[in-house]
């Protein structure tokens, strides 16, 4: 039986290059400001509070910065998050039969019944209404994400303090 470790998704040199792009002042650590600037450049917009929470999650040594080791951990977990996001999009697309970016009552009813879950059109309308935050009578991808996150959170390890 072989005990060869699995190859890493990202090799050390590639990881260092990406880390260096975040580390604008080249001090060997990423500050919350550097993190915000790179994410902004990549088209993501996070509030200062969200960035601080991200930094707190990643900054295991609690020095207020992300070092290369902590960044490496983030990159490994990010690939899992990307896979989860793609799976969520695939699930949404399964329900979005006409590919218009919305799940209608009719589409939900059709797919659930195909999957063997007997639901009336009224049941489906109630399900959609419970997550339809913009009131258009459909579920868009953002509403679908929130619904799935809430579902996963409630199935997680019980209630939080």
C-alpha atoms as a PDB file:
ATOM      1  CA  UNK A   1       0.000   0.000   0.000  1.00  0.00           C
ATOM      2  CA  UNK A   2       1.387   3.373  -1.025  1.00  0.00           C
ATOM      3  CA  UNK A   3       1.699   6.174   1.487  1.00  0.00           C
ATOM      4  CA  UNK A   4       2.433   8.838  -1.126  1.00  0.00           C
ATOM      5  CA  UNK A   5       0.629  12.045  -0.171  1.00  0.00           C
ATOM      6  CA  UNK A   6      -1.971  13.397  -2.561  1.00  0.00           C
ATOM      7  CA  UNK A   7      -0.656  16.265  -4.683  1.00  0.00           C
ATOM      8  CA  UNK A   8      -1.785  19.705  -3.574  1.00  0.00           C
ATOM      9  CA  UNK A   9      -4.172  21.570  -5.866  1.00  0.00           C
ATOM     10  CA  UNK A  10      -1.876  24.576  -5.699  1.00  0.00           C
ATOM     11  CA  UNK A  11       1.896  24.177  -5.617  1.00  0.00           C
ATOM     12  CA  UNK A  12       4.029  26.336  -3.344  1.00  0.00           C
ATOM     13  CA  UNK A  13       5.412  28.592  -6.116  1.00  0.00           C
ATOM     14  CA  UNK A  14       1.931  29.346  -7.497  1.00  0.00           C
ATOM     15  CA  UNK A  15       0.669  29.999  -4.001  1.00  0.00           C
ATOM     16  CA  UNK A  16       3.567  32.390  -3.325  1.00  0.00           C
ATOM     17  CA  UNK A  17       2.827  34.311  -6.554  1.00  0.00           C
ATOM     18  CA  UNK A  18      -0.833  34.756  -5.636  1.00  0.00           C
ATOM     19  CA  UNK A  19       0.090  35.696  -2.065  1.00  0.00           C
ATOM     20  CA  UNK A  20       2.526  38.317  -3.401  1.00  0.00           C
ATOM     21  CA  UNK A  21      -0.251  39.885  -5.480  1.00  0.00           C
ATOM     22  CA  UNK A  22      -2.264  40.410  -2.296  1.00  0.00           C
ATOM     23  CA  UNK A  23       0.773  41.581  -0.302  1.00  0.00           C
ATOM     24  CA  UNK A  24       1.054  45.029  -1.932  1.00  0.00           C
ATOM     25  CA  UNK A  25       3.691  46.449   0.440  1.00  0.00           C
ATOM     26  CA  UNK A  26       5.743  43.204   0.307  1.00  0.00           C
ATOM     27  CA  UNK A  27       6.015  42.857   4.091  1.00  0.00           C
ATOM     28  CA  UNK A  28       5.192  39.130   4.030  1.00  0.00           C
ATOM     29  CA  UNK A  29       1.661  39.525   5.372  1.00  0.00           C
ATOM     30  CA  UNK A  30      -1.734  40.588   4.051  1.00  0.00           C
ATOM     31  CA  UNK A  31      -3.591  43.325   5.892  1.00  0.00           C
ATOM     32  CA  UNK A  32      -7.351  43.875   5.805  1.00  0.00           C
ATOM     33  CA  UNK A  33      -6.733  46.843   3.458  1.00  0.00           C
ATOM     34  CA  UNK A  34      -4.668  44.746   1.049  1.00  0.00           C
ATOM     35  CA  UNK A  35      -7.332  42.041   1.123  1.00  0.00           C
ATOM     36  CA  UNK A  36     -10.072  44.593   0.348  1.00  0.00           C
ATOM     37  CA  UNK A  37      -8.081  46.166  -2.513  1.00  0.00           C
ATOM     38  CA  UNK A  38      -7.448  42.856  -4.278  1.00  0.00           C
ATOM     39  CA  UNK A  39     -11.016  41.636  -3.824  1.00  0.00           C
ATOM     40  CA  UNK A  40     -12.276  44.970  -5.156  1.00  0.00           C
ATOM     41  CA  UNK A  41     -10.013  44.620  -8.202  1.00  0.00           C
ATOM     42  CA  UNK A  42     -11.462  41.150  -8.774  1.00  0.00           C
ATOM     43  CA  UNK A  43     -14.984  42.618  -8.777  1.00  0.00           C
ATOM     44  CA  UNK A  44     -16.065  41.631  -5.275  1.00  0.00           C
ATOM     45  CA  UNK A  45     -17.337  44.211  -2.858  1.00  0.00           C
ATOM     46  CA  UNK A  46     -17.308  43.429   0.836  1.00  0.00           C
ATOM     47  CA  UNK A  47     -18.125  45.753   3.704  1.00  0.00           C
ATOM     48  CA  UNK A  48     -15.399  46.569   6.211  1.00  0.00           C
ATOM     49  CA  UNK A  49     -17.189  44.371   8.787  1.00  0.00           C
ATOM     50  CA  UNK A  50     -17.339  41.405   6.375  1.00  0.00           C
ATOM     51  CA  UNK A  51     -13.627  41.790   5.626  1.00  0.00           C
ATOM     52  CA  UNK A  52     -12.772  41.901   9.317  1.00  0.00           C
ATOM     53  CA  UNK A  53     -14.790  38.710   9.890  1.00  0.00           C
ATOM     54  CA  UNK A  54     -12.970  37.008   7.004  1.00  0.00           C
ATOM     55  CA  UNK A  55      -9.643  38.129   8.415  1.00  0.00           C
ATOM     56  CA  UNK A  56     -10.586  36.852  11.880  1.00  0.00           C
ATOM     57  CA  UNK A  57     -11.536  33.466  10.410  1.00  0.00           C
ATOM     58  CA  UNK A  58      -8.258  33.125   8.503  1.00  0.00           C
ATOM     59  CA  UNK A  59      -5.891  34.787  10.996  1.00  0.00           C
ATOM     60  CA  UNK A  60      -5.257  31.781  13.242  1.00  0.00           C
ATOM     61  CA  UNK A  61      -2.308  33.352  15.098  1.00  0.00           C
ATOM     62  CA  UNK A  62      -4.418  36.487  15.821  1.00  0.00           C
ATOM     63  CA  UNK A  63      -1.740  38.984  14.753  1.00  0.00           C
ATOM     64  CA  UNK A  64      -4.167  40.977  12.580  1.00  0.00           C
ATOM     65  CA  UNK A  65      -2.611  39.786   9.318  1.00  0.00           C
ATOM     66  CA  UNK A  66      -2.716  36.792   6.981  1.00  0.00           C
ATOM     67  CA  UNK A  67       0.652  35.084   6.542  1.00  0.00           C
ATOM     68  CA  UNK A  68       1.544  32.596   3.789  1.00  0.00           C
ATOM     69  CA  UNK A  69       0.591  29.564   5.891  1.00  0.00           C
ATOM     70  CA  UNK A  70      -2.845  31.009   6.716  1.00  0.00           C
ATOM     71  CA  UNK A  71      -3.280  32.016   3.061  1.00  0.00           C
ATOM     72  CA  UNK A  72      -2.471  28.447   2.004  1.00  0.00           C
ATOM     73  CA  UNK A  73      -5.226  27.140   4.290  1.00  0.00           C
ATOM     74  CA  UNK A  74      -7.640  29.680   2.792  1.00  0.00           C
ATOM     75  CA  UNK A  75      -6.802  28.579  -0.763  1.00  0.00           C
ATOM     76  CA  UNK A  76      -7.414  24.920   0.076  1.00  0.00           C
ATOM     77  CA  UNK A  77     -10.799  25.679   1.656  1.00  0.00           C
ATOM     78  CA  UNK A  78     -11.710  28.062  -1.184  1.00  0.00           C
ATOM     79  CA  UNK A  79     -11.477  25.261  -3.725  1.00  0.00           C
ATOM     80  CA  UNK A  80     -14.095  23.383  -1.652  1.00  0.00           C
ATOM     81  CA  UNK A  81     -16.271  26.511  -1.644  1.00  0.00           C
ATOM     82  CA  UNK A  82     -15.941  26.873  -5.424  1.00  0.00           C
ATOM     83  CA  UNK A  83     -17.067  23.255  -5.855  1.00  0.00           C
ATOM     84  CA  UNK A  84     -20.027  23.880  -3.530  1.00  0.00           C
ATOM     85  CA  UNK A  85     -20.961  27.052  -5.451  1.00  0.00           C
ATOM     86  CA  UNK A  86     -20.878  25.175  -8.768  1.00  0.00           C
ATOM     87  CA  UNK A  87     -23.044  22.410  -7.316  1.00  0.00           C
ATOM     88  CA  UNK A  88     -25.519  25.006  -6.053  1.00  0.00           C
ATOM     89  CA  UNK A  89     -25.674  26.588  -9.527  1.00  0.00           C
ATOM     90  CA  UNK A  90     -26.291  23.133 -11.048  1.00  0.00           C
ATOM     91  CA  UNK A  91     -29.128  22.549  -8.568  1.00  0.00           C
ATOM     92  CA  UNK A  92     -30.668  25.931  -9.423  1.00  0.00           C
ATOM     93  CA  UNK A  93     -30.380  25.196 -13.152  1.00  0.00           C
ATOM     94  CA  UNK A  94     -32.203  21.891 -12.652  1.00  0.00           C
ATOM     95  CA  UNK A  95     -35.277  23.829 -11.454  1.00  0.00           C
ATOM     96  CA  UNK A  96     -34.896  26.746 -13.908  1.00  0.00           C
ATOM     97  CA  UNK A  97     -36.360  24.791 -16.814  1.00  0.00           C
ATOM     98  CA  UNK A  98     -36.716  27.724 -19.244  1.00  0.00           C
ATOM     99  CA  UNK A  99     -33.245  29.094 -18.329  1.00  0.00           C
ATOM    100  CA  UNK A 100     -34.502  32.622 -17.637  1.00  0.00           C
ATOM    101  CA  UNK A 101     -32.691  32.882 -14.289  1.00  0.00           C
ATOM    102  CA  UNK A 102     -35.888  32.399 -12.277  1.00  0.00           C
ATOM    103  CA  UNK A 103     -37.692  29.435 -10.754  1.00  0.00           C
ATOM    104  CA  UNK A 104     -41.441  29.836 -11.198  1.00  0.00           C
ATOM    105  CA  UNK A 105     -44.190  28.023  -9.335  1.00  0.00           C
ATOM    106  CA  UNK A 106     -44.851  25.991 -12.485  1.00  0.00           C
ATOM    107  CA  UNK A 107     -41.173  24.972 -12.806  1.00  0.00           C
ATOM    108  CA  UNK A 108     -40.916  24.053  -9.127  1.00  0.00           C
ATOM    109  CA  UNK A 109     -44.107  21.980  -9.378  1.00  0.00           C
ATOM    110  CA  UNK A 110     -42.891  20.196 -12.516  1.00  0.00           C
ATOM    111  CA  UNK A 111     -39.429  19.312 -11.157  1.00  0.00           C
ATOM    112  CA  UNK A 112     -40.599  18.245  -7.675  1.00  0.00           C
ATOM    113  CA  UNK A 113     -43.204  15.952  -9.210  1.00  0.00           C
ATOM    114  CA  UNK A 114     -40.607  14.505 -11.619  1.00  0.00           C
ATOM    115  CA  UNK A 115     -38.449  13.801  -8.566  1.00  0.00           C
ATOM    116  CA  UNK A 116     -41.357  11.896  -7.017  1.00  0.00           C
ATOM    117  CA  UNK A 117     -42.286  14.562  -4.465  1.00  0.00           C
ATOM    118  CA  UNK A 118     -46.024  15.053  -4.745  1.00  0.00           C
ATOM    119  CA  UNK A 119     -46.721  18.754  -4.223  1.00  0.00           C
ATOM    120  CA  UNK A 120     -49.686  20.761  -5.377  1.00  0.00           C
ATOM    121  CA  UNK A 121     -49.231  23.980  -7.344  1.00  0.00           C
ATOM    122  CA  UNK A 122     -50.490  25.839  -4.242  1.00  0.00           C
ATOM    123  CA  UNK A 123     -47.813  24.137  -2.098  1.00  0.00           C
ATOM    124  CA  UNK A 124     -45.167  25.234  -4.601  1.00  0.00           C
ATOM    125  CA  UNK A 125     -46.528  28.794  -4.617  1.00  0.00           C
ATOM    126  CA  UNK A 126     -46.271  28.882  -0.805  1.00  0.00           C
ATOM    127  CA  UNK A 127     -42.687  27.557  -0.940  1.00  0.00           C
ATOM    128  CA  UNK A 128     -41.701  30.247  -3.408  1.00  0.00           C
ATOM    129  CA  UNK A 129     -43.471  32.981  -1.458  1.00  0.00           C
ATOM    130  CA  UNK A 130     -41.507  32.030   1.675  1.00  0.00           C
ATOM    131  CA  UNK A 131     -38.158  32.831  -0.014  1.00  0.00           C
ATOM    132  CA  UNK A 132     -39.228  35.439  -2.599  1.00  0.00           C
ATOM    133  CA  UNK A 133     -37.599  38.518  -1.063  1.00  0.00           C
ATOM    134  CA  UNK A 134     -38.183  40.804  -4.072  1.00  0.00           C
ATOM    135  CA  UNK A 135     -41.874  39.838  -4.375  1.00  0.00           C
ATOM    136  CA  UNK A 136     -41.784  38.951  -8.087  1.00  0.00           C
ATOM    137  CA  UNK A 137     -43.408  35.542  -7.555  1.00  0.00           C
ATOM    138  CA  UNK A 138     -40.253  33.670  -8.578  1.00  0.00           C
ATOM    139  CA  UNK A 139     -37.018  32.534  -6.951  1.00  0.00           C
ATOM    140  CA  UNK A 140     -33.845  34.024  -8.450  1.00  0.00           C
ATOM    141  CA  UNK A 141     -30.383  32.576  -7.830  1.00  0.00           C
ATOM    142  CA  UNK A 142     -29.632  34.945  -4.931  1.00  0.00           C
ATOM    143  CA  UNK A 143     -32.868  33.957  -3.166  1.00  0.00           C
ATOM    144  CA  UNK A 144     -32.087  30.289  -3.888  1.00  0.00           C
ATOM    145  CA  UNK A 145     -28.613  30.699  -2.329  1.00  0.00           C
ATOM    146  CA  UNK A 146     -30.081  32.319   0.796  1.00  0.00           C
ATOM    147  CA  UNK A 147     -32.687  29.587   1.095  1.00  0.00           C
ATOM    148  CA  UNK A 148     -30.069  26.835   0.748  1.00  0.00           C
ATOM    149  CA  UNK A 149     -27.690  28.544   3.213  1.00  0.00           C
ATOM    150  CA  UNK A 150     -30.466  28.913   5.767  1.00  0.00           C
ATOM    151  CA  UNK A 151     -31.347  25.263   5.265  1.00  0.00           C
ATOM    152  CA  UNK A 152     -27.731  24.183   5.731  1.00  0.00           C
ATOM    153  CA  UNK A 153     -27.316  26.414   8.787  1.00  0.00           C
ATOM    154  CA  UNK A 154     -30.384  24.945  10.464  1.00  0.00           C
ATOM    155  CA  UNK A 155     -29.107  21.431   9.718  1.00  0.00           C
ATOM    156  CA  UNK A 156     -25.689  22.277  11.138  1.00  0.00           C
ATOM    157  CA  UNK A 157     -24.739  21.544  14.735  1.00  0.00           C
ATOM    158  CA  UNK A 158     -27.882  22.756  16.469  1.00  0.00           C
ATOM    159  CA  UNK A 159     -28.446  26.268  17.707  1.00  0.00           C
ATOM    160  CA  UNK A 160     -25.695  28.771  18.203  1.00  0.00           C
ATOM    161  CA  UNK A 161     -25.358  30.962  21.277  1.00  0.00           C
END
